[in-house]
N, C-alpha and C. Protein backbone atom coordinates (compact mmCIF):
# COMPACT_ATOMS: atom_id res chain seq x y z
N UNK A 1 0.84 -1.19 0.00
CA UNK A 1 0.00 0.00 0.00
C UNK A 1 0.88 1.25 0.00
N UNK A 2 0.45 2.25 -0.72
CA UNK A 2 1.22 3.48 -0.84
C UNK A 2 0.56 4.59 -0.01
N UNK A 3 1.36 5.31 0.75
CA UNK A 3 0.85 6.40 1.59
C UNK A 3 1.40 7.73 1.11
N UNK A 4 0.60 8.76 1.29
CA UNK A 4 1.00 10.12 0.98
C UNK A 4 2.02 10.58 2.03
N UNK A 5 3.20 11.00 1.59
CA UNK A 5 4.25 11.48 2.50
C UNK A 5 4.83 12.76 1.89
N UNK A 6 4.16 13.90 2.11
CA UNK A 6 4.67 15.15 1.52
C UNK A 6 6.11 15.42 1.97
N UNK A 7 6.96 15.84 1.02
CA UNK A 7 8.36 16.06 1.37
C UNK A 7 8.65 17.49 1.82
N UNK A 8 7.60 18.28 2.05
CA UNK A 8 7.79 19.65 2.55
C UNK A 8 7.73 19.72 4.07
N UNK A 9 7.70 18.57 4.72
CA UNK A 9 7.60 18.56 6.19
C UNK A 9 8.50 17.49 6.78
N UNK A 10 8.62 17.54 8.10
CA UNK A 10 9.41 16.57 8.85
C UNK A 10 8.47 15.67 9.63
N UNK A 11 8.99 14.52 10.07
CA UNK A 11 8.15 13.50 10.72
C UNK A 11 8.80 12.99 12.00
N UNK A 12 7.95 12.64 12.97
CA UNK A 12 8.42 11.97 14.18
C UNK A 12 8.29 10.47 13.95
N UNK A 13 9.12 9.69 14.64
CA UNK A 13 8.99 8.24 14.54
C UNK A 13 7.62 7.78 15.02
N UNK A 14 6.96 8.61 15.84
CA UNK A 14 5.62 8.29 16.37
C UNK A 14 4.51 8.73 15.41
N UNK A 15 4.87 9.13 14.18
CA UNK A 15 3.95 9.37 13.06
C UNK A 15 3.26 10.74 13.03
N UNK A 16 3.76 11.70 13.80
CA UNK A 16 3.28 13.07 13.64
C UNK A 16 4.10 13.74 12.54
N UNK A 17 3.49 14.75 11.88
CA UNK A 17 4.23 15.55 10.91
C UNK A 17 4.32 16.99 11.41
N UNK A 18 5.32 17.70 10.90
CA UNK A 18 5.55 19.10 11.26
C UNK A 18 5.88 19.89 10.00
N UNK A 19 5.18 21.01 9.84
CA UNK A 19 5.39 21.89 8.69
C UNK A 19 5.64 23.30 9.20
N UNK A 20 6.83 23.85 8.91
CA UNK A 20 7.21 25.17 9.40
C UNK A 20 6.91 26.23 8.35
N UNK A 21 6.25 27.31 8.79
CA UNK A 21 6.03 28.48 7.95
C UNK A 21 6.17 29.72 8.82
N UNK A 22 7.15 30.54 8.50
CA UNK A 22 7.37 31.81 9.22
C UNK A 22 7.52 31.63 10.72
N UNK A 23 8.26 30.61 11.13
CA UNK A 23 8.54 30.40 12.54
C UNK A 23 7.44 29.68 13.30
N UNK A 24 6.35 29.38 12.62
CA UNK A 24 5.25 28.65 13.25
C UNK A 24 5.22 27.23 12.68
N UNK A 25 5.09 26.26 13.56
CA UNK A 25 5.09 24.86 13.15
C UNK A 25 3.69 24.29 13.31
N UNK A 26 3.10 23.89 12.19
CA UNK A 26 1.78 23.24 12.21
C UNK A 26 2.02 21.74 12.27
N UNK A 27 1.22 21.02 13.06
CA UNK A 27 1.42 19.57 13.15
C UNK A 27 0.11 18.82 13.06
N UNK A 28 0.26 17.55 12.70
CA UNK A 28 -0.85 16.62 12.63
C UNK A 28 -0.28 15.21 12.61
N UNK A 29 -1.08 14.24 12.19
CA UNK A 29 -0.56 12.87 12.07
C UNK A 29 -0.49 12.48 10.60
N UNK A 30 0.36 11.53 10.31
CA UNK A 30 0.59 11.12 8.93
C UNK A 30 -0.57 10.32 8.35
N UNK A 31 -0.54 10.20 7.04
CA UNK A 31 -1.51 9.39 6.32
C UNK A 31 -1.42 7.93 6.80
N UNK A 32 -0.18 7.44 6.99
CA UNK A 32 0.03 6.09 7.51
C UNK A 32 -0.64 5.93 8.87
N UNK A 33 -0.44 6.91 9.76
CA UNK A 33 -0.99 6.82 11.11
C UNK A 33 -2.51 6.80 11.10
N UNK A 34 -3.13 7.68 10.31
CA UNK A 34 -4.59 7.70 10.29
C UNK A 34 -5.14 6.40 9.71
N UNK A 35 -4.42 5.81 8.76
CA UNK A 35 -4.84 4.54 8.17
C UNK A 35 -4.75 3.42 9.21
N UNK A 36 -3.65 3.40 9.96
CA UNK A 36 -3.46 2.38 11.01
C UNK A 36 -4.52 2.50 12.10
N UNK A 37 -4.85 3.74 12.47
CA UNK A 37 -5.82 3.96 13.53
C UNK A 37 -7.24 3.56 13.12
N UNK A 38 -7.57 3.77 11.87
CA UNK A 38 -8.95 3.58 11.44
C UNK A 38 -9.74 4.84 11.73
N UNK A 39 -11.06 4.71 11.84
CA UNK A 39 -11.93 5.87 12.00
C UNK A 39 -11.66 6.61 13.30
N UNK A 40 -11.17 7.84 13.18
CA UNK A 40 -10.89 8.68 14.35
C UNK A 40 -12.22 9.21 14.90
N UNK A 41 -12.43 9.02 16.22
CA UNK A 41 -13.68 9.43 16.84
C UNK A 41 -13.50 10.53 17.89
N UNK A 42 -12.25 10.81 18.31
CA UNK A 42 -12.04 11.80 19.36
C UNK A 42 -10.59 12.27 19.31
N UNK A 43 -10.40 13.56 19.53
CA UNK A 43 -9.06 14.14 19.61
C UNK A 43 -9.02 15.06 20.83
N UNK A 44 -8.02 14.85 21.68
CA UNK A 44 -7.79 15.73 22.83
C UNK A 44 -6.50 16.50 22.56
N UNK A 45 -6.61 17.82 22.54
CA UNK A 45 -5.48 18.68 22.20
C UNK A 45 -5.20 19.67 23.32
N UNK A 46 -3.99 20.23 23.34
CA UNK A 46 -3.68 21.23 24.38
C UNK A 46 -4.42 22.53 24.11
N UNK A 47 -4.36 23.44 25.07
CA UNK A 47 -4.99 24.75 24.93
C UNK A 47 -4.00 25.75 24.34
N UNK A 48 -4.53 26.77 23.66
CA UNK A 48 -3.67 27.87 23.22
C UNK A 48 -2.97 28.42 24.45
N UNK A 49 -1.69 28.74 24.29
CA UNK A 49 -0.91 29.28 25.39
C UNK A 49 -0.14 28.23 26.17
N UNK A 50 -0.50 26.95 26.01
CA UNK A 50 0.26 25.88 26.67
C UNK A 50 1.66 25.83 26.08
N UNK A 51 2.63 25.47 26.91
CA UNK A 51 4.00 25.30 26.43
C UNK A 51 4.29 23.80 26.34
N UNK A 52 4.84 23.39 25.19
CA UNK A 52 5.14 21.99 24.94
C UNK A 52 6.65 21.78 24.85
N UNK A 53 7.08 20.58 25.20
CA UNK A 53 8.48 20.18 25.03
C UNK A 53 8.57 19.22 23.86
N UNK A 54 9.64 19.33 23.06
CA UNK A 54 9.80 18.44 21.91
C UNK A 54 9.68 16.99 22.35
N UNK A 55 8.87 16.23 21.64
CA UNK A 55 8.59 14.82 21.86
C UNK A 55 7.87 14.54 23.17
N UNK A 56 7.36 15.60 23.83
CA UNK A 56 6.55 15.42 25.02
C UNK A 56 5.09 15.21 24.62
N UNK A 57 4.33 14.60 25.51
CA UNK A 57 2.90 14.38 25.24
C UNK A 57 2.20 15.71 25.02
N UNK A 58 1.32 15.75 24.02
CA UNK A 58 0.52 16.96 23.83
C UNK A 58 -0.97 16.65 23.83
N UNK A 59 -1.34 15.40 23.72
CA UNK A 59 -2.75 15.05 23.69
C UNK A 59 -2.95 13.60 23.34
N UNK A 60 -4.19 13.30 22.94
CA UNK A 60 -4.58 11.92 22.66
C UNK A 60 -5.45 11.90 21.42
N UNK A 61 -5.30 10.84 20.62
CA UNK A 61 -6.20 10.60 19.50
C UNK A 61 -6.82 9.22 19.70
N UNK A 62 -8.13 9.16 19.52
CA UNK A 62 -8.85 7.92 19.77
C UNK A 62 -9.60 7.51 18.50
N UNK A 63 -9.49 6.23 18.18
CA UNK A 63 -10.22 5.71 17.03
C UNK A 63 -11.06 4.53 17.49
N UNK A 64 -11.77 3.93 16.53
CA UNK A 64 -12.58 2.76 16.89
C UNK A 64 -11.69 1.58 17.27
N UNK A 65 -10.39 1.64 16.90
CA UNK A 65 -9.46 0.54 17.17
C UNK A 65 -8.54 0.78 18.36
N UNK A 66 -8.16 2.03 18.61
CA UNK A 66 -7.07 2.28 19.56
C UNK A 66 -7.11 3.70 20.11
N UNK A 67 -6.38 3.88 21.21
CA UNK A 67 -6.13 5.21 21.77
C UNK A 67 -4.62 5.40 21.71
N UNK A 68 -4.18 6.52 21.14
CA UNK A 68 -2.75 6.78 21.00
C UNK A 68 -2.41 8.17 21.52
N UNK A 69 -1.22 8.28 22.13
CA UNK A 69 -0.72 9.57 22.55
C UNK A 69 -0.21 10.33 21.34
N UNK A 70 -0.26 11.65 21.43
CA UNK A 70 0.29 12.54 20.41
C UNK A 70 1.51 13.23 21.01
N UNK A 71 2.54 13.45 20.18
CA UNK A 71 3.79 14.02 20.67
C UNK A 71 4.14 15.29 19.89
N UNK A 72 4.75 16.23 20.59
CA UNK A 72 5.09 17.53 20.01
C UNK A 72 6.33 17.41 19.13
N UNK A 73 6.28 17.96 17.92
CA UNK A 73 7.44 17.92 17.04
C UNK A 73 8.55 18.88 17.46
N UNK A 74 8.18 19.95 18.13
CA UNK A 74 9.14 20.95 18.60
C UNK A 74 8.67 21.50 19.95
N UNK A 75 9.58 22.13 20.67
CA UNK A 75 9.24 22.83 21.90
C UNK A 75 8.70 24.20 21.54
N UNK A 76 7.73 24.68 22.31
CA UNK A 76 7.22 26.02 22.07
C UNK A 76 5.82 26.20 22.60
N UNK A 77 5.26 27.37 22.29
CA UNK A 77 3.93 27.74 22.78
C UNK A 77 2.87 27.42 21.72
N UNK A 78 1.78 26.81 22.16
CA UNK A 78 0.66 26.53 21.26
C UNK A 78 -0.02 27.86 20.92
N UNK A 79 -0.05 28.19 19.62
CA UNK A 79 -0.64 29.45 19.19
C UNK A 79 -1.99 29.27 18.50
N UNK A 80 -2.31 28.02 18.10
CA UNK A 80 -3.59 27.75 17.46
C UNK A 80 -3.94 26.28 17.66
N UNK A 81 -5.24 26.03 17.80
CA UNK A 81 -5.77 24.67 17.94
C UNK A 81 -6.87 24.53 16.90
N UNK A 82 -6.86 23.42 16.17
CA UNK A 82 -7.88 23.18 15.16
C UNK A 82 -9.15 22.69 15.85
N UNK A 83 -9.99 23.65 16.25
CA UNK A 83 -11.20 23.31 17.01
C UNK A 83 -12.23 22.57 16.16
N UNK A 84 -12.09 22.61 14.82
CA UNK A 84 -12.99 21.84 13.96
C UNK A 84 -12.94 20.35 14.30
N UNK A 85 -11.78 19.88 14.80
CA UNK A 85 -11.63 18.46 15.09
C UNK A 85 -12.49 18.00 16.27
N UNK A 86 -12.87 18.93 17.14
CA UNK A 86 -13.68 18.55 18.29
C UNK A 86 -15.07 18.08 17.85
N UNK A 87 -15.60 18.72 16.81
CA UNK A 87 -16.92 18.34 16.27
C UNK A 87 -16.81 17.38 15.09
N UNK A 88 -15.66 17.38 14.43
CA UNK A 88 -15.50 16.54 13.22
C UNK A 88 -14.12 15.87 13.22
N UNK A 89 -13.87 14.95 14.17
CA UNK A 89 -12.56 14.31 14.24
C UNK A 89 -12.21 13.51 12.99
N UNK A 90 -13.23 13.17 12.20
CA UNK A 90 -12.99 12.40 10.97
C UNK A 90 -12.18 13.19 9.94
N UNK A 91 -12.03 14.52 10.14
CA UNK A 91 -11.18 15.31 9.24
C UNK A 91 -9.74 14.76 9.24
N UNK A 92 -9.32 14.16 10.36
CA UNK A 92 -7.99 13.57 10.43
C UNK A 92 -7.86 12.44 9.41
N UNK A 93 -8.93 11.65 9.24
CA UNK A 93 -8.91 10.58 8.24
C UNK A 93 -9.05 11.12 6.83
N UNK A 94 -9.94 12.10 6.66
CA UNK A 94 -10.26 12.61 5.33
C UNK A 94 -9.10 13.39 4.72
N UNK A 95 -8.39 14.16 5.54
CA UNK A 95 -7.37 15.08 5.02
C UNK A 95 -6.29 15.32 6.09
N UNK A 96 -5.46 14.29 6.37
CA UNK A 96 -4.51 14.40 7.49
C UNK A 96 -3.48 15.51 7.35
N UNK A 97 -3.18 15.93 6.10
CA UNK A 97 -2.18 16.98 5.89
C UNK A 97 -2.80 18.35 5.64
N UNK A 98 -4.13 18.42 5.59
CA UNK A 98 -4.82 19.67 5.32
C UNK A 98 -5.76 20.01 6.45
N UNK A 99 -7.07 19.82 6.22
CA UNK A 99 -8.08 20.18 7.23
C UNK A 99 -7.93 19.40 8.52
N UNK A 100 -7.20 18.29 8.49
CA UNK A 100 -7.02 17.47 9.69
C UNK A 100 -5.83 17.86 10.55
N UNK A 101 -5.21 19.03 10.27
CA UNK A 101 -4.11 19.51 11.13
C UNK A 101 -4.61 19.64 12.56
N UNK A 102 -3.70 19.63 13.52
CA UNK A 102 -4.10 19.64 14.93
C UNK A 102 -3.80 20.93 15.67
N UNK A 103 -2.52 21.29 15.72
CA UNK A 103 -2.14 22.52 16.43
C UNK A 103 -1.03 23.24 15.69
N UNK A 104 -0.84 24.52 16.07
CA UNK A 104 0.30 25.29 15.62
C UNK A 104 1.11 25.71 16.84
N UNK A 105 2.43 25.67 16.69
CA UNK A 105 3.35 25.95 17.79
C UNK A 105 4.32 27.03 17.35
N UNK A 106 4.47 28.06 18.17
CA UNK A 106 5.55 29.03 17.95
C UNK A 106 6.80 28.42 18.56
N UNK A 107 7.70 27.97 17.70
CA UNK A 107 8.85 27.18 18.13
C UNK A 107 9.85 28.00 18.94
N UNK A 108 10.35 27.41 20.02
CA UNK A 108 11.43 28.02 20.79
C UNK A 108 12.72 28.00 19.98
N UNK A 109 12.93 26.91 19.21
CA UNK A 109 14.16 26.73 18.46
C UNK A 109 13.85 25.90 17.20
N UNK A 110 13.81 26.57 16.06
CA UNK A 110 13.46 25.88 14.81
C UNK A 110 14.49 24.81 14.43
N UNK A 111 15.69 24.89 15.00
CA UNK A 111 16.69 23.86 14.71
C UNK A 111 16.23 22.48 15.18
N UNK A 112 15.28 22.44 16.12
CA UNK A 112 14.76 21.14 16.57
C UNK A 112 14.16 20.35 15.41
N UNK A 113 13.64 21.05 14.39
CA UNK A 113 13.07 20.35 13.23
C UNK A 113 14.10 19.47 12.54
N UNK A 114 15.37 19.88 12.60
CA UNK A 114 16.44 19.12 11.95
C UNK A 114 16.64 17.75 12.58
N UNK A 115 16.16 17.56 13.80
CA UNK A 115 16.31 16.27 14.49
C UNK A 115 15.22 15.28 14.06
N UNK A 116 14.21 15.76 13.34
CA UNK A 116 13.10 14.89 12.92
C UNK A 116 13.44 14.21 11.60
N UNK A 117 12.66 13.20 11.26
CA UNK A 117 12.88 12.43 10.04
C UNK A 117 12.49 13.24 8.80
N UNK A 118 13.26 13.09 7.74
CA UNK A 118 12.85 13.63 6.45
C UNK A 118 11.75 12.72 5.90
N UNK A 119 11.09 13.16 4.84
CA UNK A 119 10.05 12.33 4.21
C UNK A 119 10.63 10.98 3.78
N UNK A 120 11.83 11.02 3.22
CA UNK A 120 12.47 9.78 2.76
C UNK A 120 12.77 8.84 3.93
N UNK A 121 13.30 9.40 5.02
CA UNK A 121 13.60 8.58 6.22
C UNK A 121 12.31 8.00 6.81
N UNK A 122 11.25 8.83 6.82
CA UNK A 122 9.97 8.36 7.35
C UNK A 122 9.40 7.24 6.47
N UNK A 123 9.52 7.41 5.17
CA UNK A 123 9.04 6.38 4.24
C UNK A 123 9.77 5.05 4.49
N UNK A 124 11.08 5.13 4.73
CA UNK A 124 11.86 3.93 5.05
C UNK A 124 11.37 3.29 6.34
N UNK A 125 11.02 4.13 7.32
CA UNK A 125 10.56 3.60 8.62
C UNK A 125 9.27 2.80 8.49
N UNK A 126 8.33 3.30 7.69
CA UNK A 126 7.02 2.62 7.62
C UNK A 126 6.99 1.52 6.56
N UNK A 127 8.07 1.40 5.76
CA UNK A 127 8.09 0.39 4.68
C UNK A 127 8.05 -1.03 5.24
């Protein structure tokens, strides 16, 4: 099976993606992760203003099959939360790299992104 792995972002081994634009990092879960989880029924996310540590817990995603922790791609302050997911968690399945994004983080140090997997490295991991 082939999964969408955009090469404009970085990935955590735990299947989150990170896309940096103007110092802000938007994150969500990968196409592979949403496929593995199955139908997403609930997402618990941090509040705006919360401070996260890279690879620290930031919330939970629940599907009909499993409950999984979500991890922060970078350290920083949460500046936006995709509140659409509270009423429509299925957006994570429908469009994991678009409307299914989860949070935006104002990164303390953008160099942390360099420690994450490239699209190619992530593709090798899930192969």
